[in-house]
Amino acid sequence: AKLGTWEENHEKGVIYWSPILKKMFNIKEETSITQNLFWGMVHPKDVGWMKTNWEKAEQQQLPYTGTFRIQLKNGDIKHLNEHAEFIIDSRGKLLKTIGTVIDMTELHKYQQELRQLSSHIRELQEEERGRIAREIHDALGQRLTSITMDLEFLKNNHFHLQPQGGD
């Protein structure tokens, strides 16, 4: 399964990541997780909007769902989908945040391939439409020329074949 879990205990200041989540991020099992470690791996183009959305969800204590990218140390990029919820006490104080992360990298790759295939099919269809249109244009042009020549022939011969005189 490519589903990892995490939990942040706000009272103790401790963050737990499941072994599967650590594996997704290519982090050794014994590594201590910090917010800086996480945010340092989020793709630079995703950090700004993601922090804004996260802070808004945390302030409002509403469930958070988002899709983002991380960049591993080897340069690989992974596409992840995260869902998190906030656990508060009776006074509204944030106790814990719990979440799940699904690795969507393969799905994203397949979606990209599907978009490329779809684009290629559209290009082939346009080429085929163009080829058919040219064939129709050429065939109609030849037939119209032939009909015009036949009409001209008939017109010229019609005058010569009419009987003369009043027999």
Protein backbone atom coordinates (compact mmCIF):
# COMPACT_ATOMS: atom_id res chain seq x y z
CA ALA A 1 0.00 0.00 0.00
CA LYS A 2 1.15 3.50 -0.72
CA LEU A 3 -0.72 5.00 2.19
CA GLY A 4 1.24 6.50 5.05
CA THR A 5 -0.01 8.03 8.28
CA TRP A 6 1.27 10.75 10.55
CA GLU A 7 0.37 12.42 13.80
CA GLU A 8 1.54 15.63 15.42
CA ASN A 9 1.06 15.92 19.18
CA HIS A 10 0.90 19.67 19.82
CA GLU A 11 1.11 19.28 23.62
CA LYS A 12 4.36 17.29 23.51
CA GLY A 13 5.73 18.81 20.28
CA VAL A 14 6.29 15.34 18.81
CA ILE A 15 5.66 14.28 15.22
CA TYR A 16 5.19 10.60 14.31
CA TRP A 17 5.41 9.23 10.76
CA SER A 18 4.57 5.62 9.90
CA PRO A 19 7.30 3.50 8.29
CA ILE A 20 5.39 3.62 4.99
CA LEU A 21 5.33 7.43 5.05
CA LYS A 22 9.04 7.58 5.80
CA LYS A 23 9.64 5.22 2.89
CA MET A 24 7.57 7.48 0.58
CA PHE A 25 9.80 10.40 1.53
CA ASN A 26 12.91 8.22 1.26
CA ILE A 27 13.74 8.90 4.92
CA LYS A 28 15.56 6.38 7.13
CA GLU A 29 13.42 4.67 9.76
CA GLU A 30 15.40 6.11 12.69
CA THR A 31 15.18 9.72 11.47
CA SER A 32 13.32 12.14 13.77
CA ILE A 33 10.64 14.05 11.91
CA THR A 34 10.35 17.81 12.19
CA GLN A 35 8.23 20.37 10.39
CA ASN A 36 11.39 21.80 8.83
CA LEU A 37 12.27 18.39 7.41
CA PHE A 38 8.83 18.11 5.85
CA TRP A 39 8.66 21.65 4.45
CA GLY A 40 12.22 21.29 3.14
CA MET A 41 11.07 18.39 0.95
CA VAL A 42 7.92 20.03 -0.42
CA HIS A 43 8.53 21.10 -4.02
CA PRO A 44 9.61 24.77 -4.08
CA LYS A 45 6.71 25.70 -6.37
CA ASP A 46 4.20 24.17 -3.93
CA VAL A 47 5.50 25.50 -0.60
CA GLY A 48 3.83 28.94 -0.73
CA TRP A 49 0.27 27.97 -1.57
CA MET A 50 0.46 24.87 0.58
CA LYS A 51 1.59 26.73 3.71
CA THR A 52 -1.17 29.31 3.16
CA ASN A 53 -3.86 26.61 2.81
CA TRP A 54 -2.48 24.64 5.75
CA GLU A 55 -2.39 27.65 8.09
CA LYS A 56 -5.95 28.58 7.10
CA ALA A 57 -7.21 25.04 7.78
CA GLU A 58 -5.36 24.89 11.10
CA GLN A 59 -6.73 28.26 12.26
CA GLN A 60 -10.27 27.29 11.32
CA GLN A 61 -9.69 23.71 12.52
CA LEU A 62 -11.30 22.36 9.37
CA PRO A 63 -10.23 19.12 7.67
CA TYR A 64 -7.48 19.72 5.14
CA THR A 65 -7.07 17.92 1.83
CA GLY A 66 -4.44 18.79 -0.72
CA THR A 67 -2.33 17.39 -3.52
CA PHE A 68 1.28 18.48 -3.63
CA ARG A 69 4.72 17.44 -4.80
CA ILE A 70 7.86 16.59 -2.92
CA GLN A 71 11.37 16.53 -4.29
CA LEU A 72 13.63 13.76 -3.03
CA LYS A 73 17.37 14.22 -2.51
CA ASN A 74 18.05 12.26 -5.72
CA GLY A 75 15.91 14.77 -7.67
CA ASP A 76 12.89 12.50 -8.14
CA ILE A 77 9.52 14.19 -7.78
CA LYS A 78 6.57 12.47 -6.14
CA HIS A 79 2.93 13.55 -6.25
CA LEU A 80 1.15 13.08 -2.95
CA ASN A 81 -2.38 13.57 -1.68
CA GLU A 82 -2.81 14.41 1.97
CA HIS A 83 -5.83 14.48 4.24
CA ALA A 84 -5.53 15.86 7.77
CA GLU A 85 -7.88 16.55 10.65
CA PHE A 86 -7.46 18.55 13.82
CA ILE A 87 -8.32 17.21 17.25
CA ILE A 88 -9.22 19.84 19.82
CA ASP A 89 -10.15 19.74 23.49
CA SER A 90 -13.42 21.04 24.96
CA ARG A 91 -11.97 24.58 25.19
CA GLY A 92 -11.01 24.59 21.49
CA LYS A 93 -7.29 24.08 22.10
CA LEU A 94 -5.48 22.12 19.38
CA LEU A 95 -4.25 18.81 20.82
CA LYS A 96 -3.28 16.74 17.80
CA THR A 97 -3.27 16.78 14.05
CA ILE A 98 -3.59 13.42 12.32
CA GLY A 99 -3.25 12.70 8.67
CA THR A 100 -2.87 10.27 5.83
CA VAL A 101 -0.74 10.61 2.72
CA ILE A 102 -1.28 8.66 -0.48
CA ASP A 103 1.46 8.39 -3.10
CA MET A 104 -0.24 9.43 -6.36
CA THR A 105 2.96 9.41 -8.45
CA GLU A 106 2.02 6.41 -10.59
CA LEU A 107 -1.50 7.69 -11.11
CA HIS A 108 -0.11 11.10 -12.10
CA LYS A 109 2.27 9.40 -14.55
CA TYR A 110 -0.59 7.40 -16.09
CA GLN A 111 -2.74 10.54 -16.34
CA GLN A 112 0.10 12.33 -18.15
CA GLU A 113 0.51 9.40 -20.54
CA LEU A 114 -3.24 9.36 -21.12
CA ARG A 115 -3.23 13.11 -21.90
CA GLN A 116 -0.33 12.60 -24.33
CA LEU A 117 -2.11 9.69 -25.99
CA SER A 118 -5.32 11.68 -26.23
CA SER A 119 -3.43 14.59 -27.78
CA HIS A 120 -1.75 12.25 -30.25
CA ILE A 121 -5.13 10.75 -31.22
CA ARG A 122 -6.53 14.27 -31.81
CA GLU A 123 -3.54 15.10 -34.02
CA LEU A 124 -4.07 11.90 -36.03
CA GLN A 125 -7.78 12.66 -36.38
CA GLU A 126 -7.00 16.17 -37.66
CA GLU A 127 -4.47 14.77 -40.13
CA GLU A 128 -7.02 12.20 -41.33
CA ARG A 129 -9.72 14.87 -41.69
CA GLY A 130 -7.30 16.96 -43.72
CA ARG A 131 -6.39 13.99 -45.94
CA ILE A 132 -10.06 13.14 -46.51
CA ALA A 133 -10.89 16.78 -47.27
CA ARG A 134 -8.05 16.92 -49.84
CA GLU A 135 -9.22 13.67 -51.43
CA ILE A 136 -12.79 14.94 -51.66
CA HIS A 137 -11.59 18.28 -53.04
CA ASP A 138 -9.39 16.60 -55.65
CA ALA A 139 -12.07 14.06 -56.68
CA LEU A 140 -14.79 16.72 -56.91
CA GLY A 141 -12.44 19.02 -58.84
CA GLN A 142 -11.69 16.26 -61.36
CA ARG A 143 -15.36 15.37 -61.75
CA LEU A 144 -16.43 19.00 -62.16
CA THR A 145 -13.74 19.50 -64.80
CA SER A 146 -14.89 16.34 -66.58
CA ILE A 147 -18.56 17.43 -66.42
CA THR A 148 -17.65 20.88 -67.72
CA MET A 149 -15.75 19.34 -70.62
CA ASP A 150 -18.66 16.95 -71.37
CA LEU A 151 -21.15 19.81 -71.29
CA GLU A 152 -18.95 21.87 -73.60
CA PHE A 153 -18.65 18.90 -75.96
CA LEU A 154 -22.41 18.32 -75.96
CA LYS A 155 -23.11 22.00 -76.44
CA ASN A 156 -20.75 22.19 -79.42
CA ASN A 157 -22.00 18.97 -80.99
CA HIS A 158 -25.66 19.78 -80.37
CA PHE A 159 -25.52 22.69 -82.78
CA HIS A 160 -23.82 20.61 -85.46
CA LEU A 161 -26.16 17.64 -85.20
CA GLN A 162 -29.43 19.51 -85.52
CA PRO A 163 -31.27 18.77 -88.80
CA GLN A 164 -31.17 21.56 -91.33
CA GLY A 165 -34.10 22.64 -93.37
CA GLY A 166 -37.69 21.66 -93.04
CA ASP A 167 -37.85 18.14 -94.38
